Structure formats: C-alpha cells, structure tokens
Amino acid sequence: MSAPLTKKSTDRSDLKKFLFGFFCDRCGAEWNPPALPFEQGGFSNVDNEVVRQLIWEQEHKAAFDGANLEAHFHFSYCEKCGRWVCDDCANLEARRGEVCIDCGGKG
C-alpha cells in the first residue's frame, strides 16, 4: 500500500466496505472519497477465512491506492512548504506557482 497523500488520513474500512478519509495539511478539513464495497474477489461466497482475508487485503490495498490517487484532485500541493492543502487553503489566484495561503497570502 502506498503512503497517504496527506499527513493525516483515516481508514474506516470494515468487512463490507472500504472507506478512507484524507485531511488538509493546513486546516484539517476532511475529504472522503465514496465508499467501495468489499466484492470478495468476485466470488459470491468464500467459505475459507484465510482466503477471504487474502482477498480482503488485496481489495483494501487497491481501494486505498485508488482513493489516494483521487485525493490528488481534491488537494493542492504547496511548492514552498510541501503541504497538501484543500481549496480553501490554496492560494488559487497566485498562478506563479501553486502555494498555500500561508506561503503566498490570498492573492
């Protein structure tokens, strides 16, 4: 599994669904991608608990990696301080480079 994009993230996955949260490195606002169901590898009924656990781990990794990739579209990287920030904390007006409002002000 890859490292989370933001410094703080949560994993609220269970045996039925995969659910993750990513937090703005500046203000802490949380973004949640849609929950994904545990598909059991496409098998309708997996009786062997060891096999079910292996399938869950594979699906969990894939779900996290997908959510982590999607987080790149919901956070901006500040080129000065290296934080991943939400739109409220990004200085979107300063197109000389992507910076947060701490590093570049509000415009």
PDB file of N, CA and C in Angstrom:
ATOM      1  N   MET A   1       0.843  -1.168   0.000  1.00  0.00           N
ATOM      2  CA  MET A   1       0.000   0.000   0.000  1.00  0.00           C
ATOM      3  C   MET A   1       0.893   1.237   0.000  1.00  0.00           C
ATOM      4  N   SER A   2       0.535   2.208  -0.777  1.00  0.00           N
ATOM      5  CA  SER A   2       1.333   3.424  -0.865  1.00  0.00           C
ATOM      6  C   SER A   2       1.110   4.304   0.364  1.00  0.00           C
ATOM      7  N   ALA A   3       2.015   5.263   0.560  1.00  0.00           N
ATOM      8  CA  ALA A   3       1.877   6.210   1.671  1.00  0.00           C
ATOM      9  C   ALA A   3       0.724   7.157   1.369  1.00  0.00           C
ATOM     10  N   PRO A   4      -0.034   7.574   2.390  1.00  0.00           N
ATOM     11  CA  PRO A   4      -1.134   8.504   2.150  1.00  0.00           C
ATOM     12  C   PRO A   4      -0.624   9.846   1.637  1.00  0.00           C
ATOM     13  N   LEU A   5      -1.412  10.477   0.780  1.00  0.00           N
ATOM     14  CA  LEU A   5      -1.047  11.762   0.198  1.00  0.00           C
ATOM     15  C   LEU A   5      -0.882  12.825   1.284  1.00  0.00           C
ATOM     16  N   THR A   6      -1.847  12.929   2.174  1.00  0.00           N
ATOM     17  CA  THR A   6      -1.812  13.942   3.226  1.00  0.00           C
ATOM     18  C   THR A   6      -1.168  13.361   4.481  1.00  0.00           C
ATOM     19  N   LYS A   7      -0.733  14.260   5.368  1.00  0.00           N
ATOM     20  CA  LYS A   7      -0.063  13.801   6.587  1.00  0.00           C
ATOM     21  C   LYS A   7      -0.995  13.022   7.500  1.00  0.00           C
ATOM     22  N   LYS A   8      -2.280  13.368   7.492  1.00  0.00           N
ATOM     23  CA  LYS A   8      -3.258  12.662   8.315  1.00  0.00           C
ATOM     24  C   LYS A   8      -4.293  12.021   7.411  1.00  0.00           C
ATOM     25  N   SER A   9      -4.582  10.764   7.682  1.00  0.00           N
ATOM     26  CA  SER A   9      -5.628  10.060   6.954  1.00  0.00           C
ATOM     27  C   SER A   9      -6.270   9.060   7.904  1.00  0.00           C
ATOM     28  N   THR A  10      -7.451   8.602   7.545  1.00  0.00           N
ATOM     29  CA  THR A  10      -8.141   7.599   8.344  1.00  0.00           C
ATOM     30  C   THR A  10      -8.542   6.434   7.455  1.00  0.00           C
ATOM     31  N   ASP A  11      -8.717   5.297   8.085  1.00  0.00           N
ATOM     32  CA  ASP A  11      -9.184   4.091   7.408  1.00  0.00           C
ATOM     33  C   ASP A  11     -10.339   3.543   8.239  1.00  0.00           C
ATOM     34  N   ARG A  12     -11.553   3.701   7.729  1.00  0.00           N
ATOM     35  CA  ARG A  12     -12.747   3.215   8.418  1.00  0.00           C
ATOM     36  C   ARG A  12     -13.330   2.001   7.699  1.00  0.00           C
ATOM     37  N   SER A  13     -12.472   1.255   7.055  1.00  0.00           N
ATOM     38  CA  SER A  13     -12.904   0.072   6.319  1.00  0.00           C
ATOM     39  C   SER A  13     -13.361  -1.007   7.289  1.00  0.00           C
ATOM     40  N   ASP A  14     -14.299  -1.828   6.814  1.00  0.00           N
ATOM     41  CA  ASP A  14     -14.727  -2.993   7.573  1.00  0.00           C
ATOM     42  C   ASP A  14     -14.896  -4.164   6.610  1.00  0.00           C
ATOM     43  N   LEU A  15     -15.544  -5.210   7.027  1.00  0.00           N
ATOM     44  CA  LEU A  15     -15.671  -6.394   6.172  1.00  0.00           C
ATOM     45  C   LEU A  15     -16.683  -6.225   5.053  1.00  0.00           C
ATOM     46  N   LYS A  16     -17.410  -5.098   5.023  1.00  0.00           N
ATOM     47  CA  LYS A  16     -18.403  -4.857   3.974  1.00  0.00           C
ATOM     48  C   LYS A  16     -17.996  -3.762   3.000  1.00  0.00           C
ATOM     49  N   LYS A  17     -17.182  -2.814   3.479  1.00  0.00           N
ATOM     50  CA  LYS A  17     -16.842  -1.668   2.628  1.00  0.00           C
ATOM     51  C   LYS A  17     -15.454  -1.137   2.952  1.00  0.00           C
ATOM     52  N   PHE A  18     -14.916  -0.376   1.993  1.00  0.00           N
ATOM     53  CA  PHE A  18     -13.641   0.309   2.161  1.00  0.00           C
ATOM     54  C   PHE A  18     -13.938   1.804   2.184  1.00  0.00           C
ATOM     55  N   LEU A  19     -13.519   2.468   3.254  1.00  0.00           N
ATOM     56  CA  LEU A  19     -13.799   3.889   3.423  1.00  0.00           C
ATOM     57  C   LEU A  19     -12.578   4.571   4.026  1.00  0.00           C
ATOM     58  N   PHE A  20     -12.125   5.620   3.368  1.00  0.00           N
ATOM     59  CA  PHE A  20     -10.919   6.338   3.780  1.00  0.00           C
ATOM     60  C   PHE A  20     -11.224   7.821   3.912  1.00  0.00           C
ATOM     61  N   GLY A  21     -10.409   8.533   4.675  1.00  0.00           N
ATOM     62  CA  GLY A  21     -10.513   9.972   4.810  1.00  0.00           C
ATOM     63  C   GLY A  21      -9.128  10.588   4.704  1.00  0.00           C
ATOM     64  N   PHE A  22      -9.060  11.736   4.069  1.00  0.00           N
ATOM     65  CA  PHE A  22      -7.809  12.477   3.924  1.00  0.00           C
ATOM     66  C   PHE A  22      -8.054  13.886   4.445  1.00  0.00           C
ATOM     67  N   PHE A  23      -7.064  14.437   5.171  1.00  0.00           N
ATOM     68  CA  PHE A  23      -7.224  15.715   5.836  1.00  0.00           C
ATOM     69  C   PHE A  23      -6.243  16.742   5.286  1.00  0.00           C
ATOM     70  N   CYS A  24      -6.738  17.967   5.109  1.00  0.00           N
ATOM     71  CA  CYS A  24      -5.891  19.086   4.677  1.00  0.00           C
ATOM     72  C   CYS A  24      -4.741  19.240   5.666  1.00  0.00           C
ATOM     73  N   ASP A  25      -3.523  19.354   5.143  1.00  0.00           N
ATOM     74  CA  ASP A  25      -2.349  19.506   5.994  1.00  0.00           C
ATOM     75  C   ASP A  25      -2.316  20.861   6.707  1.00  0.00           C
ATOM     76  N   ARG A  26      -3.141  21.803   6.273  1.00  0.00           N
ATOM     77  CA  ARG A  26      -3.147  23.129   6.907  1.00  0.00           C
ATOM     78  C   ARG A  26      -4.293  23.261   7.902  1.00  0.00           C
ATOM     79  N   CYS A  27      -5.541  23.085   7.460  1.00  0.00           N
ATOM     80  CA  CYS A  27      -6.689  23.360   8.329  1.00  0.00           C
ATOM     81  C   CYS A  27      -7.324  22.100   8.919  1.00  0.00           C
ATOM     82  N   GLY A  28      -6.993  20.946   8.369  1.00  0.00           N
ATOM     83  CA  GLY A  28      -7.540  19.705   8.894  1.00  0.00           C
ATOM     84  C   GLY A  28      -8.891  19.314   8.329  1.00  0.00           C
ATOM     85  N   ALA A  29      -9.405  20.045   7.340  1.00  0.00           N
ATOM     86  CA  ALA A  29     -10.688  19.680   6.734  1.00  0.00           C
ATOM     87  C   ALA A  29     -10.573  18.293   6.102  1.00  0.00           C
ATOM     88  N   GLU A  30     -11.603  17.487   6.314  1.00  0.00           N
ATOM     89  CA  GLU A  30     -11.574  16.107   5.813  1.00  0.00           C
ATOM     90  C   GLU A  30     -12.269  15.986   4.471  1.00  0.00           C
ATOM     91  N   TRP A  31     -11.686  15.178   3.601  1.00  0.00           N
ATOM     92  CA  TRP A  31     -12.307  14.803   2.336  1.00  0.00           C
ATOM     93  C   TRP A  31     -12.414  13.282   2.317  1.00  0.00           C
ATOM     94  N   ASN A  32     -13.603  12.792   1.947  1.00  0.00           N
ATOM     95  CA  ASN A  32     -13.837  11.353   1.863  1.00  0.00           C
ATOM     96  C   ASN A  32     -14.231  10.952   0.456  1.00  0.00           C
ATOM     97  N   PRO A  33     -13.474  10.064  -0.174  1.00  0.00           N
ATOM     98  CA  PRO A  33     -13.935   9.507  -1.435  1.00  0.00           C
ATOM     99  C   PRO A  33     -15.121   8.582  -1.165  1.00  0.00           C
ATOM    100  N   PRO A  34     -15.900   8.255  -2.171  1.00  0.00           N
ATOM    101  CA  PRO A  34     -17.025   7.347  -1.958  1.00  0.00           C
ATOM    102  C   PRO A  34     -16.548   5.986  -1.423  1.00  0.00           C
ATOM    103  N   ALA A  35     -17.349   5.412  -0.533  1.00  0.00           N
ATOM    104  CA  ALA A  35     -17.038   4.076  -0.013  1.00  0.00           C
ATOM    105  C   ALA A  35     -17.175   3.053  -1.136  1.00  0.00           C
ATOM    106  N   LEU A  36     -16.331   2.048  -1.102  1.00  0.00           N
ATOM    107  CA  LEU A  36     -16.377   0.971  -2.082  1.00  0.00           C
ATOM    108  C   LEU A  36     -16.741  -0.333  -1.375  1.00  0.00           C
ATOM    109  N   PRO A  37     -17.615  -1.142  -1.965  1.00  0.00           N
ATOM    110  CA  PRO A  37     -17.983  -2.403  -1.317  1.00  0.00           C
ATOM    111  C   PRO A  37     -16.869  -3.444  -1.428  1.00  0.00           C
ATOM    112  N   PHE A  38     -16.801  -4.322  -0.443  1.00  0.00           N
ATOM    113  CA  PHE A  38     -15.905  -5.471  -0.495  1.00  0.00           C
ATOM    114  C   PHE A  38     -16.577  -6.497  -1.394  1.00  0.00           C
ATOM    115  N   GLU A  39     -15.975  -6.752  -2.544  1.00  0.00           N
ATOM    116  CA  GLU A  39     -16.571  -7.630  -3.558  1.00  0.00           C
ATOM    117  C   GLU A  39     -16.187  -9.097  -3.399  1.00  0.00           C
ATOM    118  N   GLN A  40     -15.307  -9.408  -2.484  1.00  0.00           N
ATOM    119  CA  GLN A  40     -14.832 -10.773  -2.246  1.00  0.00           C
ATOM    120  C   GLN A  40     -14.229 -11.398  -3.504  1.00  0.00           C
ATOM    121  N   GLY A  41     -13.497 -10.580  -4.243  1.00  0.00           N
ATOM    122  CA  GLY A  41     -12.809 -11.072  -5.423  1.00  0.00           C
ATOM    123  C   GLY A  41     -13.737 -11.554  -6.513  1.00  0.00           C
ATOM    124  N   GLY A  42     -14.993 -11.148  -6.464  1.00  0.00           N
ATOM    125  CA  GLY A  42     -15.957 -11.578  -7.460  1.00  0.00           C
ATOM    126  C   GLY A  42     -16.654 -12.885  -7.095  1.00  0.00           C
ATOM    127  N   PHE A  43     -16.231 -13.513  -6.013  1.00  0.00           N
ATOM    128  CA  PHE A  43     -16.873 -14.748  -5.571  1.00  0.00           C
ATOM    129  C   PHE A  43     -18.068 -14.392  -4.693  1.00  0.00           C
ATOM    130  N   SER A  44     -19.183 -15.052  -4.889  1.00  0.00           N
ATOM    131  CA  SER A  44     -20.364 -14.735  -4.097  1.00  0.00           C
ATOM    132  C   SER A  44     -20.258 -15.265  -2.672  1.00  0.00           C
ATOM    133  N   ASN A  45     -19.502 -16.350  -2.483  1.00  0.00           N
ATOM    134  CA  ASN A  45     -19.383 -16.909  -1.141  1.00  0.00           C
ATOM    135  C   ASN A  45     -18.001 -17.544  -0.991  1.00  0.00           C
ATOM    136  N   VAL A  46     -17.200 -16.973  -0.127  1.00  0.00           N
ATOM    137  CA  VAL A  46     -15.880 -17.528   0.145  1.00  0.00           C
ATOM    138  C   VAL A  46     -15.927 -18.107   1.560  1.00  0.00           C
ATOM    139  N   ASP A  47     -15.889 -19.435   1.673  1.00  0.00           N
ATOM    140  CA  ASP A  47     -16.006 -20.083   2.975  1.00  0.00           C
ATOM    141  C   ASP A  47     -14.694 -20.095   3.749  1.00  0.00           C
ATOM    142  N   ASN A  48     -13.588 -20.169   3.059  1.00  0.00           N
ATOM    143  CA  ASN A  48     -12.296 -20.271   3.723  1.00  0.00           C
ATOM    144  C   ASN A  48     -11.878 -18.899   4.248  1.00  0.00           C
ATOM    145  N   GLU A  49     -11.751 -18.779   5.572  1.00  0.00           N
ATOM    146  CA  GLU A  49     -11.434 -17.487   6.189  1.00  0.00           C
ATOM    147  C   GLU A  49     -10.069 -16.955   5.767  1.00  0.00           C
ATOM    148  N   VAL A  50      -9.089 -17.835   5.585  1.00  0.00           N
ATOM    149  CA  VAL A  50      -7.751 -17.410   5.157  1.00  0.00           C
ATOM    150  C   VAL A  50      -7.826 -16.822   3.750  1.00  0.00           C
ATOM    151  N   VAL A  51      -8.567 -17.465   2.878  1.00  0.00           N
ATOM    152  CA  VAL A  51      -8.719 -16.973   1.503  1.00  0.00           C
ATOM    153  C   VAL A  51      -9.474 -15.653   1.510  1.00  0.00           C
ATOM    154  N   ARG A  52     -10.537 -15.573   2.312  1.00  0.00           N
ATOM    155  CA  ARG A  52     -11.316 -14.328   2.401  1.00  0.00           C
ATOM    156  C   ARG A  52     -10.424 -13.176   2.884  1.00  0.00           C
ATOM    157  N   GLN A  53      -9.579 -13.426   3.869  1.00  0.00           N
ATOM    158  CA  GLN A  53      -8.679 -12.395   4.394  1.00  0.00           C
ATOM    159  C   GLN A  53      -7.681 -11.939   3.331  1.00  0.00           C
ATOM    160  N   LEU A  54      -7.134 -12.880   2.566  1.00  0.00           N
ATOM    161  CA  LEU A  54      -6.197 -12.517   1.494  1.00  0.00           C
ATOM    162  C   LEU A  54      -6.890 -11.672   0.420  1.00  0.00           C
ATOM    163  N   ILE A  55      -8.100 -12.054   0.071  1.00  0.00           N
ATOM    164  CA  ILE A  55      -8.858 -11.284  -0.926  1.00  0.00           C
ATOM    165  C   ILE A  55      -9.167  -9.896  -0.385  1.00  0.00           C
ATOM    166  N   TRP A  56      -9.583  -9.816   0.909  1.00  0.00           N
ATOM    167  CA  TRP A  56      -9.890  -8.524   1.516  1.00  0.00           C
ATOM    168  C   TRP A  56      -8.658  -7.626   1.493  1.00  0.00           C
ATOM    169  N   GLU A  57      -7.504  -8.168   1.855  1.00  0.00           N
ATOM    170  CA  GLU A  57      -6.272  -7.376   1.868  1.00  0.00           C
ATOM    171  C   GLU A  57      -5.935  -6.845   0.481  1.00  0.00           C
ATOM    172  N   GLN A  58      -6.115  -7.662  -0.539  1.00  0.00           N
ATOM    173  CA  GLN A  58      -5.839  -7.209  -1.915  1.00  0.00           C
ATOM    174  C   GLN A  58      -6.813  -6.111  -2.329  1.00  0.00           C
ATOM    175  N   GLU A  59      -8.102  -6.310  -2.046  1.00  0.00           N
ATOM    176  CA  GLU A  59      -9.094  -5.292  -2.404  1.00  0.00           C
ATOM    177  C   GLU A  59      -8.885  -4.014  -1.589  1.00  0.00           C
ATOM    178  N   HIS A  60      -8.516  -4.151  -0.332  1.00  0.00           N
ATOM    179  CA  HIS A  60      -8.263  -2.994   0.524  1.00  0.00           C
ATOM    180  C   HIS A  60      -7.116  -2.165  -0.037  1.00  0.00           C
ATOM    181  N   LYS A  61      -6.045  -2.825  -0.410  1.00  0.00           N
ATOM    182  CA  LYS A  61      -4.889  -2.127  -0.988  1.00  0.00           C
ATOM    183  C   LYS A  61      -5.289  -1.386  -2.261  1.00  0.00           C
ATOM    184  N   ALA A  62      -6.018  -2.067  -3.141  1.00  0.00           N
ATOM    185  CA  ALA A  62      -6.446  -1.443  -4.392  1.00  0.00           C
ATOM    186  C   ALA A  62      -7.391  -0.266  -4.127  1.00  0.00           C
ATOM    187  N   ALA A  63      -8.303  -0.419  -3.171  1.00  0.00           N
ATOM    188  CA  ALA A  63      -9.239   0.655  -2.844  1.00  0.00           C
ATOM    189  C   ALA A  63      -8.494   1.856  -2.265  1.00  0.00           C
ATOM    190  N   PHE A  64      -7.536   1.614  -1.363  1.00  0.00           N
ATOM    191  CA  PHE A  64      -6.763   2.719  -0.789  1.00  0.00           C
ATOM    192  C   PHE A  64      -5.941   3.420  -1.859  1.00  0.00           C
ATOM    193  N   ASP A  65      -5.262   2.646  -2.685  1.00  0.00           N
ATOM    194  CA  ASP A  65      -4.435   3.255  -3.730  1.00  0.00           C
ATOM    195  C   ASP A  65      -5.283   4.105  -4.672  1.00  0.00           C
ATOM    196  N   GLY A  66      -6.491   3.642  -5.003  1.00  0.00           N
ATOM    197  CA  GLY A  66      -7.394   4.420  -5.852  1.00  0.00           C
ATOM    198  C   GLY A  66      -7.849   5.697  -5.162  1.00  0.00           C
ATOM    199  N   ALA A  67      -8.211   5.599  -3.887  1.00  0.00           N
ATOM    200  CA  ALA A  67      -8.646   6.774  -3.127  1.00  0.00           C
ATOM    201  C   ALA A  67      -7.492   7.764  -2.969  1.00  0.00           C
ATOM    202  N   ASN A  68      -6.308   7.253  -2.719  1.00  0.00           N
ATOM    203  CA  ASN A  68      -5.126   8.092  -2.559  1.00  0.00           C
ATOM    204  C   ASN A  68      -4.820   8.835  -3.859  1.00  0.00           C
ATOM    205  N   LEU A  69      -4.965   8.169  -4.973  1.00  0.00           N
ATOM    206  CA  LEU A  69      -4.759   8.812  -6.274  1.00  0.00           C
ATOM    207  C   LEU A  69      -5.825   9.882  -6.513  1.00  0.00           C
ATOM    208  N   GLU A  70      -7.066   9.567  -6.189  1.00  0.00           N
ATOM    209  CA  GLU A  70      -8.152  10.534  -6.372  1.00  0.00           C
ATOM    210  C   GLU A  70      -7.959  11.772  -5.491  1.00  0.00           C
ATOM    211  N   ALA A  71      -7.318  11.599  -4.332  1.00  0.00           N
ATOM    212  CA  ALA A  71      -7.074  12.729  -3.433  1.00  0.00           C
ATOM    213  C   ALA A  71      -6.231  13.815  -4.106  1.00  0.00           C
ATOM    214  N   HIS A  72      -5.423  13.442  -5.087  1.00  0.00           N
ATOM    215  CA  HIS A  72      -4.620  14.433  -5.818  1.00  0.00           C
ATOM    216  C   HIS A  72      -5.500  15.479  -6.513  1.00  0.00           C
ATOM    217  N   PHE A  73      -6.746  15.128  -6.807  1.00  0.00           N
ATOM    218  CA  PHE A  73      -7.661  16.063  -7.475  1.00  0.00           C
ATOM    219  C   PHE A  73      -8.412  16.938  -6.477  1.00  0.00           C
ATOM    220  N   HIS A  74      -8.287  16.644  -5.182  1.00  0.00           N
ATOM    221  CA  HIS A  74      -9.016  17.388  -4.160  1.00  0.00           C
ATOM    222  C   HIS A  74      -8.104  18.228  -3.267  1.00  0.00           C
ATOM    223  N   PHE A  75      -6.808  18.075  -3.420  1.00  0.00           N
ATOM    224  CA  PHE A  75      -5.839  18.845  -2.649  1.00  0.00           C
ATOM    225  C   PHE A  75      -4.809  19.441  -3.598  1.00  0.00           C
ATOM    226  N   SER A  76      -4.267  20.589  -3.215  1.00  0.00           N
ATOM    227  CA  SER A  76      -3.213  21.245  -3.994  1.00  0.00           C
ATOM    228  C   SER A  76      -1.908  21.151  -3.222  1.00  0.00           C
ATOM    229  N   TYR A  77      -0.829  20.964  -3.960  1.00  0.00           N
ATOM    230  CA  TYR A  77       0.497  20.860  -3.341  1.00  0.00           C
ATOM    231  C   TYR A  77       1.136  22.232  -3.280  1.00  0.00           C
ATOM    232  N   CYS A  78       1.567  22.647  -2.097  1.00  0.00           N
ATOM    233  CA  CYS A  78       2.271  23.927  -1.943  1.00  0.00           C
ATOM    234  C   CYS A  78       3.742  23.699  -2.246  1.00  0.00           C
ATOM    235  N   GLU A  79       4.225  24.380  -3.253  1.00  0.00           N
ATOM    236  CA  GLU A  79       5.622  24.216  -3.671  1.00  0.00           C
ATOM    237  C   GLU A  79       6.607  24.787  -2.666  1.00  0.00           C
ATOM    238  N   LYS A  80       6.152  25.668  -1.767  1.00  0.00           N
ATOM    239  CA  LYS A  80       7.062  26.262  -0.783  1.00  0.00           C
ATOM    240  C   LYS A  80       7.194  25.411   0.477  1.00  0.00           C
ATOM    241  N   CYS A  81       6.068  25.029   1.077  1.00  0.00           N
ATOM    242  CA  CYS A  81       6.143  24.307   2.357  1.00  0.00           C
ATOM    243  C   CYS A  81       5.937  22.802   2.220  1.00  0.00           C
ATOM    244  N   GLY A  82       5.488  22.345   1.054  1.00  0.00           N
ATOM    245  CA  GLY A  82       5.351  20.920   0.817  1.00  0.00           C
ATOM    246  C   GLY A  82       4.097  20.286   1.389  1.00  0.00           C
ATOM    247  N   ARG A  83       3.127  21.115   1.796  1.00  0.00           N
ATOM    248  CA  ARG A  83       1.885  20.560   2.334  1.00  0.00           C
ATOM    249  C   ARG A  83       0.861  20.363   1.224  1.00  0.00           C
ATOM    250  N   TRP A  84      -0.041  19.392   1.431  1.00  0.00           N
ATOM    251  CA  TRP A  84      -1.194  19.184   0.562  1.00  0.00           C
ATOM    252  C   TRP A  84      -2.368  19.871   1.243  1.00  0.00           C
ATOM    253  N   VAL A  85      -2.965  20.871   0.558  1.00  0.00           N
ATOM    254  CA  VAL A  85      -3.997  21.703   1.173  1.00  0.00           C
ATOM    255  C   VAL A  85      -5.290  21.670   0.360  1.00  0.00           C
ATOM    256  N   CYS A  86      -6.410  21.897   1.062  1.00  0.00           N
ATOM    257  CA  CYS A  86      -7.724  21.955   0.417  1.00  0.00           C
ATOM    258  C   CYS A  86      -7.845  23.254  -0.384  1.00  0.00           C
ATOM    259  N   ASP A  87      -8.919  23.391  -1.150  1.00  0.00           N
ATOM    260  CA  ASP A  87      -9.116  24.594  -1.962  1.00  0.00           C
ATOM    261  C   ASP A  87      -9.218  25.854  -1.109  1.00  0.00           C
ATOM    262  N   ASP A  88      -9.781  25.750   0.091  1.00  0.00           N
ATOM    263  CA  ASP A  88      -9.898  26.925   0.964  1.00  0.00           C
ATOM    264  C   ASP A  88      -8.535  27.421   1.435  1.00  0.00           C
ATOM    265  N   CYS A  89      -7.556  26.522   1.500  1.00  0.00           N
ATOM    266  CA  CYS A  89      -6.221  26.885   1.995  1.00  0.00           C
ATOM    267  C   CYS A  89      -5.214  27.108   0.870  1.00  0.00           C
ATOM    268  N   ALA A  90      -5.609  26.854  -0.359  1.00  0.00           N
ATOM    269  CA  ALA A  90      -4.711  27.069  -1.501  1.00  0.00           C
ATOM    270  C   ALA A  90      -4.866  28.497  -1.996  1.00  0.00           C
ATOM    271  N   ASN A  91      -3.777  29.091  -2.409  1.00  0.00           N
ATOM    272  CA  ASN A  91      -3.806  30.423  -2.996  1.00  0.00           C
ATOM    273  C   ASN A  91      -3.992  30.226  -4.499  1.00  0.00           C
ATOM    274  N   LEU A  92      -5.236  30.009  -4.914  1.00  0.00           N
ATOM    275  CA  LEU A  92      -5.520  29.672  -6.309  1.00  0.00           C
ATOM    276  C   LEU A  92      -5.339  30.866  -7.250  1.00  0.00           C
ATOM    277  N   GLU A  93      -5.345  32.085  -6.700  1.00  0.00           N
ATOM    278  CA  GLU A  93      -5.166  33.265  -7.544  1.00  0.00           C
ATOM    279  C   GLU A  93      -3.707  33.457  -7.967  1.00  0.00           C
ATOM    280  N   ALA A  94      -2.795  32.973  -7.159  1.00  0.00           N
ATOM    281  CA  ALA A  94      -1.364  33.159  -7.442  1.00  0.00           C
ATOM    282  C   ALA A  94      -0.896  32.072  -8.399  1.00  0.00           C
ATOM    283  N   ARG A  95      -0.982  32.331  -9.667  1.00  0.00           N
ATOM    284  CA  ARG A  95      -0.626  31.328 -10.673  1.00  0.00           C
ATOM    285  C   ARG A  95       0.855  31.347 -11.028  1.00  0.00           C
ATOM    286  N   ARG A  96       1.671  32.000 -10.211  1.00  0.00           N
ATOM    287  CA  ARG A  96       3.115  31.954 -10.422  1.00  0.00           C
ATOM    288  C   ARG A  96       3.682  30.647  -9.906  1.00  0.00           C
ATOM    289  N   GLY A  97       2.828  29.858  -9.345  1.00  0.00           N
ATOM    290  CA  GLY A  97       3.209  28.588  -8.739  1.00  0.00           C
ATOM    291  C   GLY A  97       2.188  28.241  -7.696  1.00  0.00           C
ATOM    292  N   GLU A  98       1.962  27.027  -7.486  1.00  0.00           N
ATOM    293  CA  GLU A  98       0.969  26.570  -6.525  1.00  0.00           C
ATOM    294  C   GLU A  98       1.511  26.760  -5.114  1.00  0.00           C
ATOM    295  N   VAL A  99       0.881  27.620  -4.337  1.00  0.00           N
ATOM    296  CA  VAL A  99       1.294  27.868  -2.953  1.00  0.00           C
ATOM    297  C   VAL A  99       0.060  27.941  -2.080  1.00  0.00           C
ATOM    298  N   CYS A 100       0.235  27.665  -0.789  1.00  0.00           N
ATOM    299  CA  CYS A 100      -0.876  27.789   0.145  1.00  0.00           C
ATOM    300  C   CYS A 100      -1.001  29.240   0.594  1.00  0.00           C
ATOM    301  N   ILE A 101      -2.060  29.550   1.299  1.00  0.00           N
ATOM    302  CA  ILE A 101      -2.262  30.940   1.716  1.00  0.00           C
ATOM    303  C   ILE A 101      -1.249  31.369   2.767  1.00  0.00           C
ATOM    304  N   ASP A 102      -0.663  30.424   3.512  1.00  0.00           N
ATOM    305  CA  ASP A 102       0.386  30.786   4.466  1.00  0.00           C
ATOM    306  C   ASP A 102       1.654  31.238   3.744  1.00  0.00           C
ATOM    307  N   CYS A 103       1.971  30.579   2.639  1.00  0.00           N
ATOM    308  CA  CYS A 103       3.219  30.872   1.917  1.00  0.00           C
ATOM    309  C   CYS A 103       3.084  31.968   0.871  1.00  0.00           C
ATOM    310  N   GLY A 104       1.852  32.243   0.435  1.00  0.00           N
ATOM    311  CA  GLY A 104       1.694  33.218  -0.628  1.00  0.00           C
ATOM    312  C   GLY A 104       0.638  34.257  -0.391  1.00  0.00           C
ATOM    313  N   GLY A 105       0.044  34.271   0.761  1.00  0.00           N
ATOM    314  CA  GLY A 105      -1.032  35.215   1.019  1.00  0.00           C
ATOM    315  C   GLY A 105      -2.272  34.847   0.244  1.00  0.00           C
ATOM    316  N   LYS A 106      -3.238  35.721   0.192  1.00  0.00           N
ATOM    317  CA  LYS A 106      -4.508  35.442  -0.506  1.00  0.00           C
ATOM    318  C   LYS A 106      -4.540  36.101  -1.878  1.00  0.00           C
ATOM    319  N   GLY A 107      -3.446  36.400  -2.463  1.00  0.00           N
ATOM    320  CA  GLY A 107      -3.505  36.953  -3.803  1.00  0.00           C
ATOM    321  C   GLY A 107      -2.601  38.088  -3.936  1.00  0.00           C
TER     322      GLY A 107
END
